[in-house]
């Protein structure tokens, strides 16, 4: 398959998934709507861009961002050495979708999802999802990981164990010596078989769409206190620390001329440190 066709297919899927997820969220909210912002990577020449959508102060979502991007151009000499396939040519193309959800009810965990396709001298997929509760819930953890395992197993029995381990290692705060949440799956540089990899990436997106809705339906009616809200604010502080210090997507976006507001949509509206 020609590389241009692969790019079109992945870009179109990420855009469709953005619409599907936003539609699901607005349906859950009933009245609150997303605010849409289009952006360009470089206004002086065509280097792509994207659209980020933010919904704030809803009855369920305190803040949720759903970002689509398609960018291309050349990496800087300093940055290109960190990206595979750029030894002889710093040109790149990248498209993806990222979602970060911060909830009003502290019993509903913060949730994150992203999938992407990057092409330099060759192409690869990356992404995953993870969940960050404020309070321990063994049943939620078991159910969530079982849903991920079912999706992974339908493609390859080795995927879940491998990608769960990679998630546990990635979403870890070394300076705090603690995990960000209850994990999930995380994969990168996935390039074994393009058609199979693309199908897996689509299924991961559809799984996230179903998972976040199921979690909200299970947890949203649970009453919460002011004290529990304070716990949530502190947990969000940890979330911010990870995203600003270690998150690859944040670093990639900022170092390749991405839109700052779209990149930092992952930050919650209110957080605290103690």
C-alpha atoms as a PDB file:
ATOM      1  CA  UNK A   1       0.000   0.000   0.000  1.00  0.00           C
ATOM      2  CA  UNK A   2       1.293   3.472  -0.891  1.00  0.00           C
ATOM      3  CA  UNK A   3       2.387   5.643   2.029  1.00  0.00           C
ATOM      4  CA  UNK A   4       0.046   8.479   0.976  1.00  0.00           C
ATOM      5  CA  UNK A   5      -2.925   6.126   1.238  1.00  0.00           C
ATOM      6  CA  UNK A   6      -1.794   4.998   4.696  1.00  0.00           C
ATOM      7  CA  UNK A   7      -1.588   8.639   5.796  1.00  0.00           C
ATOM      8  CA  UNK A   8      -5.069   9.419   4.466  1.00  0.00           C
ATOM      9  CA  UNK A   9      -6.605   6.375   6.131  1.00  0.00           C
ATOM     10  CA  UNK A  10      -5.058   7.073   9.525  1.00  0.00           C
ATOM     11  CA  UNK A  11      -5.821  10.797   9.404  1.00  0.00           C
ATOM     12  CA  UNK A  12      -9.441  10.152   8.427  1.00  0.00           C
ATOM     13  CA  UNK A  13      -9.876   7.586  11.200  1.00  0.00           C
ATOM     14  CA  UNK A  14      -8.511   9.925  13.880  1.00  0.00           C
ATOM     15  CA  UNK A  15     -10.866  12.682  12.681  1.00  0.00           C
ATOM     16  CA  UNK A  16     -13.868  10.326  12.661  1.00  0.00           C
ATOM     17  CA  UNK A  17     -12.981   9.085  16.149  1.00  0.00           C
ATOM     18  CA  UNK A  18     -12.758  12.690  17.385  1.00  0.00           C
ATOM     19  CA  UNK A  19     -16.320  13.258  16.130  1.00  0.00           C
ATOM     20  CA  UNK A  20     -17.552  10.006  17.703  1.00  0.00           C
ATOM     21  CA  UNK A  21     -16.027  10.721  21.115  1.00  0.00           C
ATOM     22  CA  UNK A  22     -17.240  14.327  21.192  1.00  0.00           C
ATOM     23  CA  UNK A  23     -20.740  13.244  20.182  1.00  0.00           C
ATOM     24  CA  UNK A  24     -20.768  10.662  23.004  1.00  0.00           C
ATOM     25  CA  UNK A  25     -19.635  13.257  25.533  1.00  0.00           C
ATOM     26  CA  UNK A  26     -22.222  15.836  24.461  1.00  0.00           C
ATOM     27  CA  UNK A  27     -24.904  13.177  24.681  1.00  0.00           C
ATOM     28  CA  UNK A  28     -23.854  12.375  28.249  1.00  0.00           C
ATOM     29  CA  UNK A  29     -23.773  16.079  29.137  1.00  0.00           C
ATOM     30  CA  UNK A  30     -27.136  16.747  27.456  1.00  0.00           C
ATOM     31  CA  UNK A  31     -26.704  20.550  27.325  1.00  0.00           C
ATOM     32  CA  UNK A  32     -22.993  21.476  27.441  1.00  0.00           C
ATOM     33  CA  UNK A  33     -21.215  21.712  24.083  1.00  0.00           C
ATOM     34  CA  UNK A  34     -17.605  21.690  22.904  1.00  0.00           C
ATOM     35  CA  UNK A  35     -15.826  24.869  21.877  1.00  0.00           C
ATOM     36  CA  UNK A  36     -13.875  24.177  18.651  1.00  0.00           C
ATOM     37  CA  UNK A  37     -10.569  25.838  17.741  1.00  0.00           C
ATOM     38  CA  UNK A  38      -8.653  25.275  14.507  1.00  0.00           C
ATOM     39  CA  UNK A  39      -4.908  25.923  14.409  1.00  0.00           C
ATOM     40  CA  UNK A  40      -2.029  25.895  11.923  1.00  0.00           C
ATOM     41  CA  UNK A  41       1.486  24.700  12.626  1.00  0.00           C
ATOM     42  CA  UNK A  42       3.159  27.398  10.561  1.00  0.00           C
ATOM     43  CA  UNK A  43       1.020  30.220   9.187  1.00  0.00           C
ATOM     44  CA  UNK A  44       3.677  31.339   6.704  1.00  0.00           C
ATOM     45  CA  UNK A  45       3.711  27.976   4.894  1.00  0.00           C
ATOM     46  CA  UNK A  46       1.650  24.801   4.724  1.00  0.00           C
ATOM     47  CA  UNK A  47       2.791  22.495   7.527  1.00  0.00           C
ATOM     48  CA  UNK A  48      -0.561  21.183   8.658  1.00  0.00           C
ATOM     49  CA  UNK A  49      -2.368  21.850  11.921  1.00  0.00           C
ATOM     50  CA  UNK A  50      -5.415  20.515  13.644  1.00  0.00           C
ATOM     51  CA  UNK A  51      -8.514  21.134  15.721  1.00  0.00           C
ATOM     52  CA  UNK A  52      -8.839  20.943  19.468  1.00  0.00           C
ATOM     53  CA  UNK A  53     -12.169  20.832  21.234  1.00  0.00           C
ATOM     54  CA  UNK A  54     -12.693  21.795  24.863  1.00  0.00           C
ATOM     55  CA  UNK A  55     -15.794  21.315  27.017  1.00  0.00           C
ATOM     56  CA  UNK A  56     -15.696  22.880  30.494  1.00  0.00           C
ATOM     57  CA  UNK A  57     -17.945  23.159  33.536  1.00  0.00           C
ATOM     58  CA  UNK A  58     -20.346  20.437  32.471  1.00  0.00           C
ATOM     59  CA  UNK A  59     -22.501  18.416  34.823  1.00  0.00           C
ATOM     60  CA  UNK A  60     -20.110  15.425  34.427  1.00  0.00           C
ATOM     61  CA  UNK A  61     -16.923  16.813  32.914  1.00  0.00           C
ATOM     62  CA  UNK A  62     -15.140  19.635  34.703  1.00  0.00           C
ATOM     63  CA  UNK A  63     -12.875  19.787  31.664  1.00  0.00           C
ATOM     64  CA  UNK A  64     -12.388  17.470  28.696  1.00  0.00           C
ATOM     65  CA  UNK A  65     -10.192  18.074  25.675  1.00  0.00           C
ATOM     66  CA  UNK A  66     -10.287  16.130  22.400  1.00  0.00           C
ATOM     67  CA  UNK A  67      -7.477  17.063  20.023  1.00  0.00           C
ATOM     68  CA  UNK A  68      -6.913  16.031  16.400  1.00  0.00           C
ATOM     69  CA  UNK A  69      -3.738  16.945  14.549  1.00  0.00           C
ATOM     70  CA  UNK A  70      -2.025  16.409  11.221  1.00  0.00           C
ATOM     71  CA  UNK A  71       1.385  18.060  10.979  1.00  0.00           C
ATOM     72  CA  UNK A  72       4.381  17.749   8.664  1.00  0.00           C
ATOM     73  CA  UNK A  73       7.655  19.436   7.860  1.00  0.00           C
ATOM     74  CA  UNK A  74      11.225  18.943   9.044  1.00  0.00           C
ATOM     75  CA  UNK A  75      12.604  18.290  12.504  1.00  0.00           C
ATOM     76  CA  UNK A  76      15.259  20.648  13.795  1.00  0.00           C
ATOM     77  CA  UNK A  77      18.844  19.364  13.743  1.00  0.00           C
ATOM     78  CA  UNK A  78      18.775  19.188  17.536  1.00  0.00           C
ATOM     79  CA  UNK A  79      15.502  17.246  17.747  1.00  0.00           C
ATOM     80  CA  UNK A  80      15.773  14.875  14.761  1.00  0.00           C
ATOM     81  CA  UNK A  81      18.337  12.615  16.447  1.00  0.00           C
ATOM     82  CA  UNK A  82      15.703  11.640  19.030  1.00  0.00           C
ATOM     83  CA  UNK A  83      13.281  10.364  16.369  1.00  0.00           C
ATOM     84  CA  UNK A  84      13.805   7.079  14.466  1.00  0.00           C
ATOM     85  CA  UNK A  85      14.258   7.157  10.694  1.00  0.00           C
ATOM     86  CA  UNK A  86      15.653  10.699  10.428  1.00  0.00           C
ATOM     87  CA  UNK A  87      19.364   9.980   9.946  1.00  0.00           C
ATOM     88  CA  UNK A  88      19.424  10.956   6.258  1.00  0.00           C
ATOM     89  CA  UNK A  89      16.290  13.110   6.074  1.00  0.00           C
ATOM     90  CA  UNK A  90      14.667  15.176   8.894  1.00  0.00           C
ATOM     91  CA  UNK A  91      11.263  15.237   7.126  1.00  0.00           C
ATOM     92  CA  UNK A  92       8.257  13.909   9.045  1.00  0.00           C
ATOM     93  CA  UNK A  93       4.476  13.536   8.933  1.00  0.00           C
ATOM     94  CA  UNK A  94       2.346  12.858  12.002  1.00  0.00           C
ATOM     95  CA  UNK A  95      -1.341  12.585  12.779  1.00  0.00           C
ATOM     96  CA  UNK A  96      -3.198  11.574  15.891  1.00  0.00           C
ATOM     97  CA  UNK A  97      -5.966  12.040  18.401  1.00  0.00           C
ATOM     98  CA  UNK A  98      -5.578  12.685  22.119  1.00  0.00           C
ATOM     99  CA  UNK A  99      -8.214  12.866  24.846  1.00  0.00           C
ATOM    100  CA  UNK A 100      -7.911  13.935  28.486  1.00  0.00           C
ATOM    101  CA  UNK A 101     -10.882  13.926  30.850  1.00  0.00           C
ATOM    102  CA  UNK A 102     -11.062  15.636  34.254  1.00  0.00           C
ATOM    103  CA  UNK A 103     -14.304  14.905  36.066  1.00  0.00           C
ATOM    104  CA  UNK A 104     -16.528  16.926  38.348  1.00  0.00           C
ATOM    105  CA  UNK A 105     -17.271  13.945  40.596  1.00  0.00           C
ATOM    106  CA  UNK A 106     -14.040  12.848  42.352  1.00  0.00           C
ATOM    107  CA  UNK A 107     -15.284   9.244  42.326  1.00  0.00           C
ATOM    108  CA  UNK A 108     -14.940   9.198  38.528  1.00  0.00           C
ATOM    109  CA  UNK A 109     -11.273   8.810  37.568  1.00  0.00           C
ATOM    110  CA  UNK A 110      -9.385  11.093  35.216  1.00  0.00           C
ATOM    111  CA  UNK A 111      -8.989   9.299  31.886  1.00  0.00           C
ATOM    112  CA  UNK A 112      -6.478   9.639  29.076  1.00  0.00           C
ATOM    113  CA  UNK A 113      -6.303   8.174  25.580  1.00  0.00           C
ATOM    114  CA  UNK A 114      -4.259   8.790  22.477  1.00  0.00           C
ATOM    115  CA  UNK A 115      -3.313   7.071  19.234  1.00  0.00           C
ATOM    116  CA  UNK A 116      -1.013   8.382  16.513  1.00  0.00           C
ATOM    117  CA  UNK A 117       0.765   7.508  13.290  1.00  0.00           C
ATOM    118  CA  UNK A 118       4.192   9.015  12.573  1.00  0.00           C
ATOM    119  CA  UNK A 119       6.176   8.688   9.367  1.00  0.00           C
ATOM    120  CA  UNK A 120       9.820   9.610   8.758  1.00  0.00           C
ATOM    121  CA  UNK A 121      11.716   7.251   6.449  1.00  0.00           C
ATOM    122  CA  UNK A 122       9.232   4.634   7.684  1.00  0.00           C
ATOM    123  CA  UNK A 123       5.971   4.718   9.638  1.00  0.00           C
ATOM    124  CA  UNK A 124       4.808   3.470  13.030  1.00  0.00           C
ATOM    125  CA  UNK A 125       1.806   3.600  15.365  1.00  0.00           C
ATOM    126  CA  UNK A 126       1.797   4.517  19.031  1.00  0.00           C
ATOM    127  CA  UNK A 127      -0.682   5.274  21.788  1.00  0.00           C
ATOM    128  CA  UNK A 128      -2.720   3.758  24.566  1.00  0.00           C
ATOM    129  CA  UNK A 129      -4.985   4.669  27.466  1.00  0.00           C
ATOM    130  CA  UNK A 130      -4.817   4.851  31.238  1.00  0.00           C
ATOM    131  CA  UNK A 131      -7.092   5.668  34.162  1.00  0.00           C
ATOM    132  CA  UNK A 132      -6.238   7.718  37.257  1.00  0.00           C
ATOM    133  CA  UNK A 133      -8.692   7.305  40.174  1.00  0.00           C
ATOM    134  CA  UNK A 134      -8.528   9.398  43.336  1.00  0.00           C
ATOM    135  CA  UNK A 135      -9.649   6.489  45.501  1.00  0.00           C
ATOM    136  CA  UNK A 136      -8.847   2.778  45.408  1.00  0.00           C
ATOM    137  CA  UNK A 137     -11.458   0.638  43.680  1.00  0.00           C
ATOM    138  CA  UNK A 138     -10.309  -2.931  43.079  1.00  0.00           C
ATOM    139  CA  UNK A 139     -13.461  -3.825  41.152  1.00  0.00           C
ATOM    140  CA  UNK A 140     -12.968  -0.939  38.730  1.00  0.00           C
ATOM    141  CA  UNK A 141      -9.323  -1.863  38.219  1.00  0.00           C
ATOM    142  CA  UNK A 142     -10.153  -5.500  37.536  1.00  0.00           C
ATOM    143  CA  UNK A 143     -12.984  -4.644  35.140  1.00  0.00           C
ATOM    144  CA  UNK A 144     -10.967  -2.004  33.258  1.00  0.00           C
ATOM    145  CA  UNK A 145      -7.989  -4.285  32.706  1.00  0.00           C
ATOM    146  CA  UNK A 146     -10.251  -7.144  31.677  1.00  0.00           C
ATOM    147  CA  UNK A 147     -11.774  -4.921  28.964  1.00  0.00           C
ATOM    148  CA  UNK A 148      -8.304  -4.034  27.708  1.00  0.00           C
ATOM    149  CA  UNK A 149      -7.229  -7.666  27.762  1.00  0.00           C
ATOM    150  CA  UNK A 150     -10.250  -8.694  25.679  1.00  0.00           C
ATOM    151  CA  UNK A 151      -9.386  -6.107  23.030  1.00  0.00           C
ATOM    152  CA  UNK A 152      -5.699  -7.047  23.003  1.00  0.00           C
ATOM    153  CA  UNK A 153      -6.379 -10.799  22.954  1.00  0.00           C
ATOM    154  CA  UNK A 154      -8.596 -10.446  19.880  1.00  0.00           C
ATOM    155  CA  UNK A 155      -5.441  -9.380  17.999  1.00  0.00           C
ATOM    156  CA  UNK A 156      -2.592 -11.156  19.764  1.00  0.00           C
ATOM    157  CA  UNK A 157      -2.487 -13.029  23.093  1.00  0.00           C
ATOM    158  CA  UNK A 158       0.883 -11.428  23.895  1.00  0.00           C
ATOM    159  CA  UNK A 159      -0.243  -7.816  23.478  1.00  0.00           C
ATOM    160  CA  UNK A 160      -1.962  -7.235  26.827  1.00  0.00           C
ATOM    161  CA  UNK A 161       0.903  -8.362  29.071  1.00  0.00           C
ATOM    162  CA  UNK A 162       3.454  -6.491  26.960  1.00  0.00           C
ATOM    163  CA  UNK A 163       1.506  -3.232  26.644  1.00  0.00           C
ATOM    164  CA  UNK A 164       0.341  -3.261  30.268  1.00  0.00           C
ATOM    165  CA  UNK A 165       3.965  -3.539  31.390  1.00  0.00           C
ATOM    166  CA  UNK A 166       4.968  -0.686  29.084  1.00  0.00           C
ATOM    167  CA  UNK A 167       2.141   1.430  30.498  1.00  0.00           C
ATOM    168  CA  UNK A 168       3.162   0.719  34.104  1.00  0.00           C
ATOM    169  CA  UNK A 169       6.742   1.715  33.288  1.00  0.00           C
ATOM    170  CA  UNK A 170       5.781   4.810  31.326  1.00  0.00           C
ATOM    171  CA  UNK A 171       3.102   6.339  33.578  1.00  0.00           C
ATOM    172  CA  UNK A 172       5.382   6.450  36.617  1.00  0.00           C
ATOM    173  CA  UNK A 173       6.644   9.487  38.512  1.00  0.00           C
ATOM    174  CA  UNK A 174      10.269   8.712  39.466  1.00  0.00           C
ATOM    175  CA  UNK A 175      10.622  11.800  41.678  1.00  0.00           C
ATOM    176  CA  UNK A 176       7.550  10.689  43.673  1.00  0.00           C
ATOM    177  CA  UNK A 177       8.276   6.955  43.408  1.00  0.00           C
ATOM    178  CA  UNK A 178       4.638   6.324  42.569  1.00  0.00           C
ATOM    179  CA  UNK A 179       2.466   5.325  39.631  1.00  0.00           C
ATOM    180  CA  UNK A 180       0.134   7.872  38.043  1.00  0.00           C
ATOM    181  CA  UNK A 181      -2.944   5.678  38.365  1.00  0.00           C
ATOM    182  CA  UNK A 182      -4.079   2.072  37.835  1.00  0.00           C
ATOM    183  CA  UNK A 183      -2.359   1.758  34.479  1.00  0.00           C
ATOM    184  CA  UNK A 184      -3.769   0.603  31.187  1.00  0.00           C
ATOM    185  CA  UNK A 185      -1.916  -0.132  27.946  1.00  0.00           C
ATOM    186  CA  UNK A 186       0.807   1.783  26.130  1.00  0.00           C
ATOM    187  CA  UNK A 187       2.617   0.977  22.885  1.00  0.00           C
ATOM    188  CA  UNK A 188       5.013   2.778  20.568  1.00  0.00           C
ATOM    189  CA  UNK A 189       7.058   2.149  17.388  1.00  0.00           C
ATOM    190  CA  UNK A 190       4.453  -0.417  16.310  1.00  0.00           C
ATOM    191  CA  UNK A 191       5.308  -1.329  12.707  1.00  0.00           C
ATOM    192  CA  UNK A 192       5.065  -5.130  12.360  1.00  0.00           C
ATOM    193  CA  UNK A 193       2.206  -5.244   9.836  1.00  0.00           C
ATOM    194  CA  UNK A 194       0.505  -2.011   8.788  1.00  0.00           C
ATOM    195  CA  UNK A 195      -2.976  -3.394   8.097  1.00  0.00           C
ATOM    196  CA  UNK A 196      -3.060  -5.421  11.318  1.00  0.00           C
ATOM    197  CA  UNK A 197      -1.576  -2.552  13.323  1.00  0.00           C
ATOM    198  CA  UNK A 198      -4.145  -0.091  11.955  1.00  0.00           C
ATOM    199  CA  UNK A 199      -6.990  -2.456  12.839  1.00  0.00           C
ATOM    200  CA  UNK A 200      -5.613  -2.787  16.380  1.00  0.00           C
ATOM    201  CA  UNK A 201      -5.348   1.008  16.722  1.00  0.00           C
ATOM    202  CA  UNK A 202      -8.969   1.412  15.584  1.00  0.00           C
ATOM    203  CA  UNK A 203     -10.148  -1.199  18.094  1.00  0.00           C
ATOM    204  CA  UNK A 204      -8.225   0.501  20.914  1.00  0.00           C
ATOM    205  CA  UNK A 205     -10.060   3.745  20.060  1.00  0.00           C
ATOM    206  CA  UNK A 206     -13.464   2.058  20.064  1.00  0.00           C
ATOM    207  CA  UNK A 207     -12.641   0.335  23.357  1.00  0.00           C
ATOM    208  CA  UNK A 208     -11.820   3.675  24.957  1.00  0.00           C
ATOM    209  CA  UNK A 209     -15.092   5.155  23.675  1.00  0.00           C
ATOM    210  CA  UNK A 210     -17.019   2.358  25.382  1.00  0.00           C
ATOM    211  CA  UNK A 211     -14.876   2.229  28.525  1.00  0.00           C
ATOM    212  CA  UNK A 212     -15.163   5.916  29.461  1.00  0.00           C
ATOM    213  CA  UNK A 213     -18.936   5.818  29.041  1.00  0.00           C
ATOM    214  CA  UNK A 214     -19.280   2.663  31.163  1.00  0.00           C
ATOM    215  CA  UNK A 215     -17.110   4.117  33.953  1.00  0.00           C
ATOM    216  CA  UNK A 216     -19.146   7.336  34.018  1.00  0.00           C
ATOM    217  CA  UNK A 217     -22.455   5.435  34.123  1.00  0.00           C
ATOM    218  CA  UNK A 218     -21.190   3.337  37.042  1.00  0.00           C
ATOM    219  CA  UNK A 219     -19.781   6.214  39.087  1.00  0.00           C
ATOM    220  CA  UNK A 220     -21.603   9.431  38.278  1.00  0.00           C
ATOM    221  CA  UNK A 221     -24.463   9.098  40.756  1.00  0.00           C
ATOM    222  CA  UNK A 222     -22.157   8.424  43.699  1.00  0.00           C
ATOM    223  CA  UNK A 223     -22.302  11.326  46.174  1.00  0.00           C
ATOM    224  CA  UNK A 224     -19.091  13.125  47.115  1.00  0.00           C
ATOM    225  CA  UNK A 225     -17.892  15.502  49.820  1.00  0.00           C
ATOM    226  CA  UNK A 226     -15.778  18.645  49.889  1.00  0.00           C
ATOM    227  CA  UNK A 227     -12.974  16.652  51.505  1.00  0.00           C
ATOM    228  CA  UNK A 228     -13.033  14.149  48.630  1.00  0.00           C
ATOM    229  CA  UNK A 229     -12.875  17.041  46.144  1.00  0.00           C
ATOM    230  CA  UNK A 230      -9.707  18.262  47.882  1.00  0.00           C
ATOM    231  CA  UNK A 231      -8.170  14.803  47.403  1.00  0.00           C
ATOM    232  CA  UNK A 232      -8.995  15.087  43.707  1.00  0.00           C
ATOM    233  CA  UNK A 233      -7.231  18.463  43.459  1.00  0.00           C
ATOM    234  CA  UNK A 234      -4.070  16.980  44.983  1.00  0.00           C
ATOM    235  CA  UNK A 235      -4.207  13.991  42.651  1.00  0.00           C
ATOM    236  CA  UNK A 236      -4.472  16.390  39.724  1.00  0.00           C
ATOM    237  CA  UNK A 237      -1.237  18.002  40.890  1.00  0.00           C
ATOM    238  CA  UNK A 238       0.528  14.681  40.340  1.00  0.00           C
ATOM    239  CA  UNK A 239      -1.131  14.416  36.925  1.00  0.00           C
ATOM    240  CA  UNK A 240       0.282  17.808  35.948  1.00  0.00           C
ATOM    241  CA  UNK A 241       3.758  16.870  37.147  1.00  0.00           C
ATOM    242  CA  UNK A 242       3.808  13.835  34.873  1.00  0.00           C
ATOM    243  CA  UNK A 243       2.467  15.661  31.821  1.00  0.00           C
ATOM    244  CA  UNK A 244       4.937  18.524  32.076  1.00  0.00           C
ATOM    245  CA  UNK A 245       8.011  16.534  33.087  1.00  0.00           C
ATOM    246  CA  UNK A 246       7.748  13.178  31.304  1.00  0.00           C
ATOM    247  CA  UNK A 247       4.955  12.974  28.748  1.00  0.00           C
ATOM    248  CA  UNK A 248       6.367  12.225  25.274  1.00  0.00           C
ATOM    249  CA  UNK A 249       3.374  13.677  23.462  1.00  0.00           C
ATOM    250  CA  UNK A 250       3.716  16.998  25.297  1.00  0.00           C
ATOM    251  CA  UNK A 251       7.429  17.210  24.479  1.00  0.00           C
ATOM    252  CA  UNK A 252       6.900  16.156  20.847  1.00  0.00           C
ATOM    253  CA  UNK A 253       4.165  18.739  20.334  1.00  0.00           C
ATOM    254  CA  UNK A 254       6.065  21.630  21.893  1.00  0.00           C
ATOM    255  CA  UNK A 255       9.319  20.796  20.098  1.00  0.00           C
ATOM    256  CA  UNK A 256       7.685  20.451  16.666  1.00  0.00           C
ATOM    257  CA  UNK A 257       5.814  23.758  16.645  1.00  0.00           C
ATOM    258  CA  UNK A 258       2.421  22.439  17.738  1.00  0.00           C
ATOM    259  CA  UNK A 259      -0.325  24.619  19.178  1.00  0.00           C
ATOM    260  CA  UNK A 260       0.461  25.289  22.846  1.00  0.00           C
ATOM    261  CA  UNK A 261      -3.188  25.449  23.979  1.00  0.00           C
ATOM    262  CA  UNK A 262      -3.966  22.150  22.222  1.00  0.00           C
ATOM    263  CA  UNK A 263      -0.898  20.475  23.743  1.00  0.00           C
ATOM    264  CA  UNK A 264      -1.626  21.727  27.256  1.00  0.00           C
ATOM    265  CA  UNK A 265      -5.337  20.874  27.127  1.00  0.00           C
ATOM    266  CA  UNK A 266      -4.367  17.925  29.356  1.00  0.00           C
ATOM    267  CA  UNK A 267      -3.988  20.277  32.307  1.00  0.00           C
ATOM    268  CA  UNK A 268      -6.986  20.373  34.686  1.00  0.00           C
ATOM    269  CA  UNK A 269      -8.823  23.637  35.471  1.00  0.00           C
ATOM    270  CA  UNK A 270      -7.979  23.463  39.198  1.00  0.00           C
ATOM    271  CA  UNK A 271      -5.213  21.554  40.977  1.00  0.00           C
ATOM    272  CA  UNK A 272      -3.449  21.817  44.325  1.00  0.00           C
ATOM    273  CA  UNK A 273      -0.162  20.870  45.957  1.00  0.00           C
ATOM    274  CA  UNK A 274       0.582  20.285  49.620  1.00  0.00           C
END
